[in-house]
Amino acid sequence: MNAHTNVQIIEQGGIPAFAVLPIGDYERLRSSDDGKRHTLPHEVVKLNTLEGYSLLKAWRVHLGLSQAELAQKSHSTQSQIANFENDKAIPRADTLLRLSSALGVSADLLMEFDDEL
């Protein structure tokens, strides 16, 4: 959005907490979405937490893809996919972006972060 926007900032305890903007600006922001999913479906969470699947494997299974199909869609190899899913390798940034594009999800939904950092 390059045009000036009339935004109202609402504070709580002197700290900005909310931004209110005109509905037209909000709709333009929403329509500029990249088309990728930015949240985790219940089934992906279940596969990750209860079954112990990596997020990559959980998404792949949720979407009904084989490792070979994901490899083809992401210009990787089946063995790379297996290594990523089993934490034997970490995808480089460009590979992660190809995987996220192939799955139609945002790249951050494929990575698990250590809470102890």
C-alpha atoms as a PDB file:
ATOM      1  CA  MET A   1       0.000   0.000   0.000  1.00  0.00           C
ATOM      2  CA  ASN A   2       1.673   3.173  -1.166  1.00  0.00           C
ATOM      3  CA  ALA A   3      -1.211   5.571  -0.532  1.00  0.00           C
ATOM      4  CA  HIS A   4      -1.669   7.360   2.758  1.00  0.00           C
ATOM      5  CA  THR A   5      -3.902   5.357   5.094  1.00  0.00           C
ATOM      6  CA  ASN A   6      -6.006   6.768   7.891  1.00  0.00           C
ATOM      7  CA  VAL A   7      -5.112   4.388  10.720  1.00  0.00           C
ATOM      8  CA  GLN A   8      -6.334   4.691  14.290  1.00  0.00           C
ATOM      9  CA  ILE A   9      -3.980   3.257  16.919  1.00  0.00           C
ATOM     10  CA  ILE A  10      -5.597   2.017  20.130  1.00  0.00           C
ATOM     11  CA  GLU A  11      -3.346   1.769  23.152  1.00  0.00           C
ATOM     12  CA  GLN A  12      -3.620  -0.330  26.289  1.00  0.00           C
ATOM     13  CA  GLY A  13      -1.569   0.880  29.206  1.00  0.00           C
ATOM     14  CA  GLY A  14       0.215   3.371  26.965  1.00  0.00           C
ATOM     15  CA  ILE A  15       1.368   0.622  24.562  1.00  0.00           C
ATOM     16  CA  PRO A  16      -0.025   0.309  21.005  1.00  0.00           C
ATOM     17  CA  ALA A  17      -2.291  -2.762  21.006  1.00  0.00           C
ATOM     18  CA  PHE A  18      -4.554  -2.443  17.951  1.00  0.00           C
ATOM     19  CA  ALA A  19      -4.587  -0.687  14.602  1.00  0.00           C
ATOM     20  CA  VAL A  20      -7.927   0.192  13.044  1.00  0.00           C
ATOM     21  CA  LEU A  21      -7.934   0.943   9.332  1.00  0.00           C
ATOM     22  CA  PRO A  22     -10.569   1.659   6.689  1.00  0.00           C
ATOM     23  CA  ILE A  23     -12.287  -1.460   5.336  1.00  0.00           C
ATOM     24  CA  GLY A  24     -11.071  -0.774   1.792  1.00  0.00           C
ATOM     25  CA  ASP A  25      -7.455  -0.786   2.950  1.00  0.00           C
ATOM     26  CA  TYR A  26      -8.059  -3.951   4.954  1.00  0.00           C
ATOM     27  CA  GLU A  27      -9.590  -5.701   1.926  1.00  0.00           C
ATOM     28  CA  ARG A  28      -6.635  -4.657  -0.266  1.00  0.00           C
ATOM     29  CA  LEU A  29      -4.242  -6.106   2.311  1.00  0.00           C
ATOM     30  CA  ARG A  30      -6.174  -9.376   2.407  1.00  0.00           C
ATOM     31  CA  SER A  31      -6.315  -9.645  -1.380  1.00  0.00           C
ATOM     32  CA  SER A  32      -2.536  -9.217  -1.605  1.00  0.00           C
ATOM     33  CA  ASP A  33      -2.080 -12.519   0.284  1.00  0.00           C
ATOM     34  CA  ASP A  34       0.309 -14.929  -1.440  1.00  0.00           C
ATOM     35  CA  GLY A  35      -2.307 -17.706  -1.522  1.00  0.00           C
ATOM     36  CA  LYS A  36      -0.372 -19.917   0.904  1.00  0.00           C
ATOM     37  CA  ARG A  37      -1.821 -21.306   4.087  1.00  0.00           C
ATOM     38  CA  HIS A  38      -0.508 -19.551   7.218  1.00  0.00           C
ATOM     39  CA  THR A  39      -2.084 -21.704   9.943  1.00  0.00           C
ATOM     40  CA  LEU A  40      -1.844 -25.330  11.027  1.00  0.00           C
ATOM     41  CA  PRO A  41      -4.900 -27.548  10.459  1.00  0.00           C
ATOM     42  CA  HIS A  42      -5.946 -29.775  13.363  1.00  0.00           C
ATOM     43  CA  GLU A  43      -4.855 -32.922  11.502  1.00  0.00           C
ATOM     44  CA  VAL A  44      -1.324 -31.551  10.971  1.00  0.00           C
ATOM     45  CA  VAL A  45      -1.066 -30.688  14.676  1.00  0.00           C
ATOM     46  CA  LYS A  46      -2.356 -34.152  15.593  1.00  0.00           C
ATOM     47  CA  LEU A  47       0.151 -35.906  13.315  1.00  0.00           C
ATOM     48  CA  ASN A  48       2.970 -33.753  14.679  1.00  0.00           C
ATOM     49  CA  THR A  49       2.164 -34.021  18.372  1.00  0.00           C
ATOM     50  CA  LEU A  50       0.463 -37.385  18.802  1.00  0.00           C
ATOM     51  CA  GLU A  51       2.178 -39.377  16.061  1.00  0.00           C
ATOM     52  CA  GLY A  52       5.555 -37.649  16.381  1.00  0.00           C
ATOM     53  CA  TYR A  53       5.753 -36.741  12.686  1.00  0.00           C
ATOM     54  CA  SER A  54       7.928 -33.825  11.656  1.00  0.00           C
ATOM     55  CA  LEU A  55       5.915 -30.856  10.398  1.00  0.00           C
ATOM     56  CA  LEU A  56       7.088 -31.602   6.854  1.00  0.00           C
ATOM     57  CA  LYS A  57       5.849 -35.188   7.053  1.00  0.00           C
ATOM     58  CA  ALA A  58       2.620 -34.147   8.784  1.00  0.00           C
ATOM     59  CA  TRP A  59       1.834 -31.673   5.977  1.00  0.00           C
ATOM     60  CA  ARG A  60       2.759 -34.218   3.295  1.00  0.00           C
ATOM     61  CA  VAL A  61       0.531 -36.903   4.832  1.00  0.00           C
ATOM     62  CA  HIS A  62      -2.280 -34.387   5.433  1.00  0.00           C
ATOM     63  CA  LEU A  63      -2.176 -33.405   1.760  1.00  0.00           C
ATOM     64  CA  GLY A  64      -2.065 -37.039   0.619  1.00  0.00           C
ATOM     65  CA  LEU A  65       1.314 -36.867  -1.097  1.00  0.00           C
ATOM     66  CA  SER A  66       3.970 -39.560  -1.227  1.00  0.00           C
ATOM     67  CA  GLN A  67       7.595 -38.644  -0.654  1.00  0.00           C
ATOM     68  CA  ALA A  68       8.227 -39.184  -4.375  1.00  0.00           C
ATOM     69  CA  GLU A  69       5.359 -36.849  -5.337  1.00  0.00           C
ATOM     70  CA  LEU A  70       6.594 -34.118  -2.993  1.00  0.00           C
ATOM     71  CA  ALA A  71      10.129 -34.593  -4.302  1.00  0.00           C
ATOM     72  CA  GLN A  72       8.941 -34.126  -7.871  1.00  0.00           C
ATOM     73  CA  LYS A  73       6.838 -31.050  -7.011  1.00  0.00           C
ATOM     74  CA  SER A  74       9.695 -29.444  -5.065  1.00  0.00           C
ATOM     75  CA  HIS A  75      12.528 -30.417  -7.457  1.00  0.00           C
ATOM     76  CA  SER A  76      14.148 -32.522  -4.741  1.00  0.00           C
ATOM     77  CA  THR A  77      14.813 -36.228  -4.443  1.00  0.00           C
ATOM     78  CA  GLN A  78      12.811 -38.779  -2.476  1.00  0.00           C
ATOM     79  CA  SER A  79      15.851 -39.507  -0.309  1.00  0.00           C
ATOM     80  CA  GLN A  80      16.204 -35.792   0.530  1.00  0.00           C
ATOM     81  CA  ILE A  81      12.547 -35.686   1.592  1.00  0.00           C
ATOM     82  CA  ALA A  82      13.068 -38.777   3.766  1.00  0.00           C
ATOM     83  CA  ASN A  83      16.155 -37.220   5.375  1.00  0.00           C
ATOM     84  CA  PHE A  84      14.324 -33.945   6.062  1.00  0.00           C
ATOM     85  CA  GLU A  85      11.352 -35.786   7.569  1.00  0.00           C
ATOM     86  CA  ASN A  86      13.573 -37.922   9.816  1.00  0.00           C
ATOM     87  CA  ASP A  87      15.750 -35.004  11.012  1.00  0.00           C
ATOM     88  CA  LYS A  88      18.815 -36.461   9.295  1.00  0.00           C
ATOM     89  CA  ALA A  89      19.204 -33.259   7.268  1.00  0.00           C
ATOM     90  CA  ILE A  90      17.983 -29.669   7.413  1.00  0.00           C
ATOM     91  CA  PRO A  91      16.815 -28.126   4.150  1.00  0.00           C
ATOM     92  CA  ARG A  92      18.688 -25.082   2.867  1.00  0.00           C
ATOM     93  CA  ALA A  93      16.650 -21.901   2.574  1.00  0.00           C
ATOM     94  CA  ASP A  94      16.034 -22.295  -1.162  1.00  0.00           C
ATOM     95  CA  THR A  95      14.961 -25.912  -0.675  1.00  0.00           C
ATOM     96  CA  LEU A  96      12.654 -24.928   2.173  1.00  0.00           C
ATOM     97  CA  LEU A  97      11.011 -22.344  -0.072  1.00  0.00           C
ATOM     98  CA  ARG A  98      10.530 -24.931  -2.826  1.00  0.00           C
ATOM     99  CA  LEU A  99       8.992 -27.345  -0.311  1.00  0.00           C
ATOM    100  CA  SER A 100       6.646 -24.686   1.058  1.00  0.00           C
ATOM    101  CA  SER A 101       5.607 -23.721  -2.448  1.00  0.00           C
ATOM    102  CA  ALA A 102       4.989 -27.359  -3.399  1.00  0.00           C
ATOM    103  CA  LEU A 103       2.820 -27.843  -0.302  1.00  0.00           C
ATOM    104  CA  GLY A 104       1.089 -24.465  -0.592  1.00  0.00           C
ATOM    105  CA  VAL A 105       2.034 -23.381   2.924  1.00  0.00           C
ATOM    106  CA  SER A 106       4.167 -20.647   4.396  1.00  0.00           C
ATOM    107  CA  ALA A 107       7.760 -21.819   5.021  1.00  0.00           C
ATOM    108  CA  ASP A 108       7.575 -21.131   8.764  1.00  0.00           C
ATOM    109  CA  LEU A 109       4.873 -23.814   9.068  1.00  0.00           C
ATOM    110  CA  LEU A 110       7.430 -26.448   8.063  1.00  0.00           C
ATOM    111  CA  MET A 111      10.024 -25.592  10.701  1.00  0.00           C
ATOM    112  CA  GLU A 112      10.036 -26.615  14.336  1.00  0.00           C
ATOM    113  CA  PHE A 113      11.707 -24.262  16.766  1.00  0.00           C
ATOM    114  CA  ASP A 114      13.400 -25.171  20.026  1.00  0.00           C
ATOM    115  CA  ASP A 115      11.564 -23.399  22.851  1.00  0.00           C
ATOM    116  CA  GLU A 116      14.675 -23.525  25.022  1.00  0.00           C
ATOM    117  CA  LEU A 117      16.596 -20.984  22.937  1.00  0.00           C
END
